[in-house]
Amino acid sequence: MKRCIICLLIAITALTTSCAYYPHLTGTPLIKEKGDTRIEGGLTLYSPSAQASFSRGLTEKLAFQVAASIGYDDYYTQGALGYFKNINNKTVMELYGGVGFGHGDAYKDANPGHLRGNYQIYFAQFNIGNIEKKLANLEYGIGLKPGYLHSKMTDANYFFISENYSKTDSYPVYSLNGFIFEPTVFLRFGGKNLKFNIALGKCWMVQLTHTDKTFPVGSNFGIGVSYSFGGTSKKYPKAMR
């Protein structure tokens, strides 16, 4: 556990922020069986926002998740349906597919400048983690989220940088599209059901549209709590839970 915490602290120092799209850190529930339910809530610090998610096992193989976050001038919500596999009640693998909708307001530098607008993301997500409950009921894992992002962003600084701007004119709008890749690592520890949660995420984007503007992406660090309950399967002995 000490080694995990040291790695997390090192990773924090390498992250940067202030972006229109950033990891929302809500996608690694590790559902282990039918009826298993996880509720998470917390704060993301590098791009300040409050976030929450709800995940539940529908059958012994299928699960769903809904999540949302809101910040000063941005918001995001997503829904996903997926397949999970529990290996000896120690390791869980999940594969989700879903869609998210959001609004971002960001200033990174002169390019892209101050951009504001809406975006959609169509994604898949692979999660794998350990849920073996020994020291501090520790759970840890990683989520890998590739997807396609489509956005309509407005240059909110156009009024200030254009001498020919008229108040009757509309702001220029850019359609910025591309593939994103978003890895997330997390660590949960505490009681059997209620745990403290730490997560780190990074996002990269390959922009497909050719314009003088770029869609800003970045990193995030989050803290919060996770509460799990439910489960109807009697597949595993009580001693292994």
C-alpha atoms as a PDB file:
ATOM      1  CA  MET A   1       0.000   0.000   0.000  1.00  0.00           C
ATOM      2  CA  LYS A   2       2.881   2.392   0.816  1.00  0.00           C
ATOM      3  CA  ARG A   3       4.340   1.811  -2.628  1.00  0.00           C
ATOM      4  CA  CYS A   4       0.960   2.580  -4.274  1.00  0.00           C
ATOM      5  CA  ILE A   5       0.661   5.886  -2.400  1.00  0.00           C
ATOM      6  CA  ILE A   6       4.211   6.921  -3.384  1.00  0.00           C
ATOM      7  CA  CYS A   7       3.453   6.187  -7.041  1.00  0.00           C
ATOM      8  CA  LEU A   8       0.290   8.279  -6.852  1.00  0.00           C
ATOM      9  CA  LEU A   9       2.177  11.245  -5.365  1.00  0.00           C
ATOM     10  CA  ILE A  10       4.832  11.059  -8.086  1.00  0.00           C
ATOM     11  CA  ALA A  11       2.134  10.980 -10.760  1.00  0.00           C
ATOM     12  CA  ILE A  12       0.410  14.049  -9.304  1.00  0.00           C
ATOM     13  CA  THR A  13       3.491  16.195  -9.873  1.00  0.00           C
ATOM     14  CA  ALA A  14       3.494  15.280 -13.591  1.00  0.00           C
ATOM     15  CA  LEU A  15      -0.068  16.393 -14.312  1.00  0.00           C
ATOM     16  CA  THR A  16      -1.247  19.667 -15.848  1.00  0.00           C
ATOM     17  CA  THR A  17      -4.694  21.220 -15.946  1.00  0.00           C
ATOM     18  CA  SER A  18      -7.052  23.871 -17.324  1.00  0.00           C
ATOM     19  CA  CYS A  19      -8.827  22.215 -20.220  1.00  0.00           C
ATOM     20  CA  ALA A  20     -12.172  21.928 -21.942  1.00  0.00           C
ATOM     21  CA  TYR A  21     -12.217  18.153 -21.565  1.00  0.00           C
ATOM     22  CA  TYR A  22     -10.573  16.382 -18.655  1.00  0.00           C
ATOM     23  CA  PRO A  23     -10.887  12.937 -17.059  1.00  0.00           C
ATOM     24  CA  HIS A  24     -13.961  12.900 -14.819  1.00  0.00           C
ATOM     25  CA  LEU A  25     -12.713   9.936 -12.749  1.00  0.00           C
ATOM     26  CA  THR A  26     -16.070   8.170 -12.481  1.00  0.00           C
ATOM     27  CA  GLY A  27     -15.579   4.994 -14.494  1.00  0.00           C
ATOM     28  CA  THR A  28     -14.051   2.144 -12.433  1.00  0.00           C
ATOM     29  CA  PRO A  29     -16.819   0.525 -10.342  1.00  0.00           C
ATOM     30  CA  LEU A  30     -15.521  -3.108 -10.428  1.00  0.00           C
ATOM     31  CA  ILE A  31     -18.951  -4.731 -10.152  1.00  0.00           C
ATOM     32  CA  LYS A  32     -18.436  -8.292  -8.906  1.00  0.00           C
ATOM     33  CA  GLU A  33     -21.894  -9.936  -9.085  1.00  0.00           C
ATOM     34  CA  LYS A  34     -25.609  -9.477  -9.737  1.00  0.00           C
ATOM     35  CA  GLY A  35     -27.098  -6.861  -7.448  1.00  0.00           C
ATOM     36  CA  ASP A  36     -23.703  -5.465  -6.472  1.00  0.00           C
ATOM     37  CA  THR A  37     -24.113  -1.679  -6.270  1.00  0.00           C
ATOM     38  CA  ARG A  38     -21.561   1.110  -5.947  1.00  0.00           C
ATOM     39  CA  ILE A  39     -22.224   4.790  -5.273  1.00  0.00           C
ATOM     40  CA  GLU A  40     -19.311   7.215  -5.542  1.00  0.00           C
ATOM     41  CA  GLY A  41     -19.004  10.934  -4.916  1.00  0.00           C
ATOM     42  CA  GLY A  42     -16.199  13.406  -4.537  1.00  0.00           C
ATOM     43  CA  LEU A  43     -14.227  16.346  -5.860  1.00  0.00           C
ATOM     44  CA  THR A  44     -11.801  16.680  -8.750  1.00  0.00           C
ATOM     45  CA  LEU A  45      -9.059  19.138  -7.874  1.00  0.00           C
ATOM     46  CA  TYR A  46      -7.044  20.071 -10.983  1.00  0.00           C
ATOM     47  CA  SER A  47     -10.214  20.975 -12.905  1.00  0.00           C
ATOM     48  CA  PRO A  48     -12.422  21.759  -9.888  1.00  0.00           C
ATOM     49  CA  SER A  49     -15.801  20.049  -9.950  1.00  0.00           C
ATOM     50  CA  ALA A  50     -18.113  17.831  -7.912  1.00  0.00           C
ATOM     51  CA  GLN A  51     -18.839  14.379  -9.325  1.00  0.00           C
ATOM     52  CA  ALA A  52     -21.024  11.382  -8.564  1.00  0.00           C
ATOM     53  CA  SER A  53     -21.700   7.974 -10.127  1.00  0.00           C
ATOM     54  CA  PHE A  54     -24.037   5.024  -9.655  1.00  0.00           C
ATOM     55  CA  SER A  55     -23.220   1.489 -10.868  1.00  0.00           C
ATOM     56  CA  ARG A  56     -25.087  -1.800 -10.470  1.00  0.00           C
ATOM     57  CA  GLY A  57     -24.875  -5.404 -11.637  1.00  0.00           C
ATOM     58  CA  LEU A  58     -28.004  -6.282 -13.618  1.00  0.00           C
ATOM     59  CA  THR A  59     -27.175  -9.964 -14.093  1.00  0.00           C
ATOM     60  CA  GLU A  60     -24.170 -12.180 -13.360  1.00  0.00           C
ATOM     61  CA  LYS A  61     -22.517 -10.742 -16.502  1.00  0.00           C
ATOM     62  CA  LEU A  62     -24.070  -7.335 -17.273  1.00  0.00           C
ATOM     63  CA  ALA A  63     -23.796  -4.025 -15.409  1.00  0.00           C
ATOM     64  CA  PHE A  64     -24.665  -0.395 -16.036  1.00  0.00           C
ATOM     65  CA  GLN A  65     -23.325   2.938 -14.867  1.00  0.00           C
ATOM     66  CA  VAL A  66     -24.480   6.565 -14.881  1.00  0.00           C
ATOM     67  CA  ALA A  67     -22.221   9.447 -13.859  1.00  0.00           C
ATOM     68  CA  ALA A  68     -22.234  13.236 -13.757  1.00  0.00           C
ATOM     69  CA  SER A  69     -19.990  16.114 -12.755  1.00  0.00           C
ATOM     70  CA  ILE A  70     -20.425  19.870 -12.499  1.00  0.00           C
ATOM     71  CA  GLY A  71     -17.923  22.708 -12.104  1.00  0.00           C
ATOM     72  CA  TYR A  72     -17.850  26.485 -12.286  1.00  0.00           C
ATOM     73  CA  ASP A  73     -18.702  26.724 -15.988  1.00  0.00           C
ATOM     74  CA  ASP A  74     -18.644  23.122 -17.131  1.00  0.00           C
ATOM     75  CA  TYR A  75     -20.692  19.975 -16.732  1.00  0.00           C
ATOM     76  CA  TYR A  76     -20.634  16.394 -17.965  1.00  0.00           C
ATOM     77  CA  THR A  77     -22.902  13.352 -17.833  1.00  0.00           C
ATOM     78  CA  GLN A  78     -22.508   9.828 -19.207  1.00  0.00           C
ATOM     79  CA  GLY A  79     -24.235   6.468 -19.314  1.00  0.00           C
ATOM     80  CA  ALA A  80     -22.747   3.062 -20.104  1.00  0.00           C
ATOM     81  CA  LEU A  81     -23.692  -0.625 -20.299  1.00  0.00           C
ATOM     82  CA  GLY A  82     -21.085  -3.327 -19.924  1.00  0.00           C
ATOM     83  CA  TYR A  83     -19.902  -6.873 -19.306  1.00  0.00           C
ATOM     84  CA  PHE A  84     -17.991  -7.921 -16.185  1.00  0.00           C
ATOM     85  CA  LYS A  85     -16.145 -11.036 -15.036  1.00  0.00           C
ATOM     86  CA  ASN A  86     -15.211 -11.852 -11.437  1.00  0.00           C
ATOM     87  CA  ILE A  87     -12.206 -14.160 -11.064  1.00  0.00           C
ATOM     88  CA  ASN A  88     -12.237 -15.951  -7.671  1.00  0.00           C
ATOM     89  CA  ASN A  89     -13.603 -12.850  -5.952  1.00  0.00           C
ATOM     90  CA  LYS A  90     -10.165 -11.229  -6.248  1.00  0.00           C
ATOM     91  CA  THR A  91      -9.876  -9.688  -9.708  1.00  0.00           C
ATOM     92  CA  VAL A  92     -12.670  -8.040 -11.703  1.00  0.00           C
ATOM     93  CA  MET A  93     -12.560  -7.208 -15.406  1.00  0.00           C
ATOM     94  CA  GLU A  94     -15.149  -4.929 -17.025  1.00  0.00           C
ATOM     95  CA  LEU A  95     -15.831  -3.766 -20.582  1.00  0.00           C
ATOM     96  CA  TYR A  96     -18.316  -0.906 -21.045  1.00  0.00           C
ATOM     97  CA  GLY A  97     -19.661   1.013 -24.004  1.00  0.00           C
ATOM     98  CA  GLY A  98     -21.401   4.339 -23.596  1.00  0.00           C
ATOM     99  CA  VAL A  99     -21.960   7.961 -24.538  1.00  0.00           C
ATOM    100  CA  GLY A 100     -21.291  11.208 -22.680  1.00  0.00           C
ATOM    101  CA  PHE A 101     -22.397  14.812 -23.117  1.00  0.00           C
ATOM    102  CA  GLY A 102     -20.682  17.875 -21.717  1.00  0.00           C
ATOM    103  CA  HIS A 103     -19.945  21.589 -21.812  1.00  0.00           C
ATOM    104  CA  GLY A 104     -16.478  23.068 -21.404  1.00  0.00           C
ATOM    105  CA  ASP A 105     -15.061  26.542 -20.847  1.00  0.00           C
ATOM    106  CA  ALA A 106     -11.297  26.829 -20.956  1.00  0.00           C
ATOM    107  CA  TYR A 107      -8.325  29.037 -21.640  1.00  0.00           C
ATOM    108  CA  LYS A 108      -5.048  27.273 -22.303  1.00  0.00           C
ATOM    109  CA  ASP A 109      -2.902  29.729 -24.302  1.00  0.00           C
ATOM    110  CA  ALA A 110      -3.163  31.878 -27.438  1.00  0.00           C
ATOM    111  CA  ASN A 111      -3.928  28.714 -29.366  1.00  0.00           C
ATOM    112  CA  PRO A 112      -6.692  27.634 -28.707  1.00  0.00           C
ATOM    113  CA  GLY A 113      -7.400  30.777 -26.698  1.00  0.00           C
ATOM    114  CA  HIS A 114     -10.633  31.060 -24.752  1.00  0.00           C
ATOM    115  CA  LEU A 115     -12.982  28.351 -26.051  1.00  0.00           C
ATOM    116  CA  ARG A 116     -16.493  27.595 -24.858  1.00  0.00           C
ATOM    117  CA  GLY A 117     -19.002  25.026 -26.131  1.00  0.00           C
ATOM    118  CA  ASN A 118     -20.608  21.589 -26.060  1.00  0.00           C
ATOM    119  CA  TYR A 119     -19.198  18.175 -26.875  1.00  0.00           C
ATOM    120  CA  GLN A 120     -20.220  14.526 -27.144  1.00  0.00           C
ATOM    121  CA  ILE A 121     -18.041  11.488 -26.623  1.00  0.00           C
ATOM    122  CA  TYR A 122     -18.747   7.907 -27.754  1.00  0.00           C
ATOM    123  CA  PHE A 123     -16.497   5.557 -25.829  1.00  0.00           C
ATOM    124  CA  ALA A 124     -15.508   2.077 -24.759  1.00  0.00           C
ATOM    125  CA  GLN A 125     -13.879   1.424 -21.401  1.00  0.00           C
ATOM    126  CA  PHE A 126     -11.876  -1.506 -20.102  1.00  0.00           C
ATOM    127  CA  ASN A 127     -11.411  -1.730 -16.317  1.00  0.00           C
ATOM    128  CA  ILE A 128      -9.405  -4.228 -14.329  1.00  0.00           C
ATOM    129  CA  GLY A 129      -8.736  -4.238 -10.607  1.00  0.00           C
ATOM    130  CA  ASN A 130      -8.179  -6.208  -7.447  1.00  0.00           C
ATOM    131  CA  ILE A 131     -10.966  -6.421  -4.837  1.00  0.00           C
ATOM    132  CA  GLU A 132      -9.271  -8.809  -2.419  1.00  0.00           C
ATOM    133  CA  LYS A 133     -10.242  -7.535   1.033  1.00  0.00           C
ATOM    134  CA  LYS A 134      -7.215  -7.813   3.328  1.00  0.00           C
ATOM    135  CA  LEU A 135      -5.173  -4.854   4.597  1.00  0.00           C
ATOM    136  CA  ALA A 136      -7.460  -1.786   4.889  1.00  0.00           C
ATOM    137  CA  ASN A 137      -9.972  -3.520   2.565  1.00  0.00           C
ATOM    138  CA  LEU A 138      -7.763  -2.309  -0.262  1.00  0.00           C
ATOM    139  CA  GLU A 139      -9.041  -2.099  -3.836  1.00  0.00           C
ATOM    140  CA  TYR A 140      -7.002  -0.777  -6.752  1.00  0.00           C
ATOM    141  CA  GLY A 141      -7.006  -0.882 -10.520  1.00  0.00           C
ATOM    142  CA  ILE A 142      -6.867   0.895 -13.854  1.00  0.00           C
ATOM    143  CA  GLY A 143      -9.382   2.025 -16.452  1.00  0.00           C
ATOM    144  CA  LEU A 144      -8.573   2.505 -20.159  1.00  0.00           C
ATOM    145  CA  LYS A 145     -11.058   4.655 -22.078  1.00  0.00           C
ATOM    146  CA  PRO A 146     -10.701   5.181 -25.845  1.00  0.00           C
ATOM    147  CA  GLY A 147     -13.371   7.157 -27.643  1.00  0.00           C
ATOM    148  CA  TYR A 148     -14.429   9.569 -30.382  1.00  0.00           C
ATOM    149  CA  LEU A 149     -15.128  13.177 -29.400  1.00  0.00           C
ATOM    150  CA  HIS A 150     -17.217  15.666 -31.390  1.00  0.00           C
ATOM    151  CA  SER A 151     -17.480  19.295 -30.298  1.00  0.00           C
ATOM    152  CA  LYS A 152     -18.815  22.689 -31.305  1.00  0.00           C
ATOM    153  CA  MET A 153     -16.606  25.312 -29.679  1.00  0.00           C
ATOM    154  CA  THR A 154     -16.971  29.103 -29.764  1.00  0.00           C
ATOM    155  CA  ASP A 155     -14.031  31.527 -29.729  1.00  0.00           C
ATOM    156  CA  ALA A 156     -15.179  33.627 -26.781  1.00  0.00           C
ATOM    157  CA  ASN A 157     -12.233  36.048 -27.218  1.00  0.00           C
ATOM    158  CA  TYR A 158     -13.256  37.064 -30.730  1.00  0.00           C
ATOM    159  CA  PHE A 159     -14.765  40.336 -29.474  1.00  0.00           C
ATOM    160  CA  PHE A 160     -11.413  41.394 -28.045  1.00  0.00           C
ATOM    161  CA  ILE A 161      -9.085  40.307 -30.837  1.00  0.00           C
ATOM    162  CA  SER A 162     -11.019  41.439 -33.931  1.00  0.00           C
ATOM    163  CA  GLU A 163     -11.064  45.126 -34.839  1.00  0.00           C
ATOM    164  CA  ASN A 164     -13.818  44.439 -37.372  1.00  0.00           C
ATOM    165  CA  TYR A 165     -16.111  42.762 -34.869  1.00  0.00           C
ATOM    166  CA  SER A 166     -19.666  44.090 -34.687  1.00  0.00           C
ATOM    167  CA  LYS A 167     -22.045  43.337 -31.827  1.00  0.00           C
ATOM    168  CA  THR A 168     -24.525  42.145 -34.439  1.00  0.00           C
ATOM    169  CA  ASP A 169     -22.078  39.471 -35.608  1.00  0.00           C
ATOM    170  CA  SER A 170     -22.074  35.985 -34.124  1.00  0.00           C
ATOM    171  CA  TYR A 171     -19.013  34.431 -32.549  1.00  0.00           C
ATOM    172  CA  PRO A 172     -17.084  32.086 -34.854  1.00  0.00           C
ATOM    173  CA  VAL A 173     -17.812  28.421 -34.140  1.00  0.00           C
ATOM    174  CA  TYR A 174     -15.304  25.624 -34.670  1.00  0.00           C
ATOM    175  CA  SER A 175     -16.155  21.950 -35.096  1.00  0.00           C
ATOM    176  CA  LEU A 176     -13.327  20.086 -33.373  1.00  0.00           C
ATOM    177  CA  ASN A 177     -13.335  16.290 -33.634  1.00  0.00           C
ATOM    178  CA  GLY A 178     -10.884  13.555 -32.786  1.00  0.00           C
ATOM    179  CA  PHE A 179      -9.984  10.326 -31.031  1.00  0.00           C
ATOM    180  CA  ILE A 180      -9.200  10.439 -27.328  1.00  0.00           C
ATOM    181  CA  PHE A 181      -7.442   8.020 -25.020  1.00  0.00           C
ATOM    182  CA  GLU A 182      -7.999   8.344 -21.288  1.00  0.00           C
ATOM    183  CA  PRO A 183      -6.245   6.116 -18.712  1.00  0.00           C
ATOM    184  CA  THR A 184      -7.228   6.325 -15.032  1.00  0.00           C
ATOM    185  CA  VAL A 185      -5.672   4.702 -11.952  1.00  0.00           C
ATOM    186  CA  PHE A 186      -7.431   4.499  -8.600  1.00  0.00           C
ATOM    187  CA  LEU A 187      -6.979   3.340  -5.014  1.00  0.00           C
ATOM    188  CA  ARG A 188      -9.781   2.657  -2.500  1.00  0.00           C
ATOM    189  CA  PHE A 189      -9.341   1.779   1.167  1.00  0.00           C
ATOM    190  CA  GLY A 190     -11.309   1.896   4.400  1.00  0.00           C
ATOM    191  CA  GLY A 191     -14.210  -0.191   5.695  1.00  0.00           C
ATOM    192  CA  LYS A 192     -15.927  -3.166   4.141  1.00  0.00           C
ATOM    193  CA  ASN A 193     -18.569  -1.018   2.454  1.00  0.00           C
ATOM    194  CA  LEU A 194     -17.491   2.616   2.858  1.00  0.00           C
ATOM    195  CA  LYS A 195     -14.088   3.509   1.454  1.00  0.00           C
ATOM    196  CA  PHE A 196     -11.952   6.553   0.739  1.00  0.00           C
ATOM    197  CA  ASN A 197     -11.124   6.958  -2.944  1.00  0.00           C
ATOM    198  CA  ILE A 198      -8.115   8.498  -4.747  1.00  0.00           C
ATOM    199  CA  ALA A 199      -7.925   8.659  -8.535  1.00  0.00           C
ATOM    200  CA  LEU A 200      -5.607  10.060 -11.208  1.00  0.00           C
ATOM    201  CA  GLY A 201      -6.473  10.494 -14.864  1.00  0.00           C
ATOM    202  CA  LYS A 202      -4.831  11.750 -18.054  1.00  0.00           C
ATOM    203  CA  CYS A 203      -6.277  12.425 -21.507  1.00  0.00           C
ATOM    204  CA  TRP A 204      -4.658  12.596 -24.951  1.00  0.00           C
ATOM    205  CA  MET A 205      -6.389  13.556 -28.199  1.00  0.00           C
ATOM    206  CA  VAL A 206      -5.590  13.012 -31.890  1.00  0.00           C
ATOM    207  CA  GLN A 207      -7.520  15.847 -33.539  1.00  0.00           C
ATOM    208  CA  LEU A 208      -8.970  15.007 -36.943  1.00  0.00           C
ATOM    209  CA  THR A 209     -10.203  18.467 -37.934  1.00  0.00           C
ATOM    210  CA  HIS A 210      -7.710  20.902 -39.481  1.00  0.00           C
ATOM    211  CA  THR A 211      -8.054  24.382 -38.011  1.00  0.00           C
ATOM    212  CA  ASP A 212      -5.942  26.976 -36.237  1.00  0.00           C
ATOM    213  CA  LYS A 213      -7.727  25.978 -33.010  1.00  0.00           C
ATOM    214  CA  THR A 214      -7.127  22.862 -30.945  1.00  0.00           C
ATOM    215  CA  PHE A 215      -9.468  21.178 -28.496  1.00  0.00           C
ATOM    216  CA  PRO A 216      -7.682  21.386 -25.112  1.00  0.00           C
ATOM    217  CA  VAL A 217      -7.435  18.221 -23.027  1.00  0.00           C
ATOM    218  CA  GLY A 218      -5.522  17.562 -19.843  1.00  0.00           C
ATOM    219  CA  SER A 219      -5.274  15.718 -16.534  1.00  0.00           C
ATOM    220  CA  ASN A 220      -7.125  15.451 -13.257  1.00  0.00           C
ATOM    221  CA  PHE A 221      -6.772  14.297  -9.660  1.00  0.00           C
ATOM    222  CA  GLY A 222      -9.772  13.371  -7.511  1.00  0.00           C
ATOM    223  CA  ILE A 223     -10.644  12.418  -3.964  1.00  0.00           C
ATOM    224  CA  GLY A 224     -13.925  11.132  -2.597  1.00  0.00           C
ATOM    225  CA  VAL A 225     -15.832   8.292  -0.985  1.00  0.00           C
ATOM    226  CA  SER A 226     -17.183   5.026  -2.352  1.00  0.00           C
ATOM    227  CA  TYR A 227     -20.029   3.012  -0.851  1.00  0.00           C
ATOM    228  CA  SER A 228     -20.852  -0.511  -2.045  1.00  0.00           C
ATOM    229  CA  PHE A 229     -23.698  -2.809  -1.054  1.00  0.00           C
ATOM    230  CA  GLY A 230     -25.992  -5.519  -2.398  1.00  0.00           C
ATOM    231  CA  GLY A 231     -25.151  -8.696  -4.248  1.00  0.00           C
ATOM    232  CA  THR A 232     -27.377 -11.740  -4.565  1.00  0.00           C
ATOM    233  CA  SER A 233     -24.991 -14.434  -5.771  1.00  0.00           C
ATOM    234  CA  LYS A 234     -23.975 -17.254  -3.402  1.00  0.00           C
ATOM    235  CA  LYS A 235     -21.223 -18.370  -5.735  1.00  0.00           C
ATOM    236  CA  TYR A 236     -18.424 -17.549  -3.270  1.00  0.00           C
ATOM    237  CA  PRO A 237     -18.106 -18.744   0.334  1.00  0.00           C
ATOM    238  CA  LYS A 238     -18.606 -16.153   3.051  1.00  0.00           C
ATOM    239  CA  ALA A 239     -14.998 -16.540   4.157  1.00  0.00           C
ATOM    240  CA  MET A 240     -13.778 -15.286   0.790  1.00  0.00           C
ATOM    241  CA  ARG A 241     -15.838 -12.075   0.815  1.00  0.00           C
END
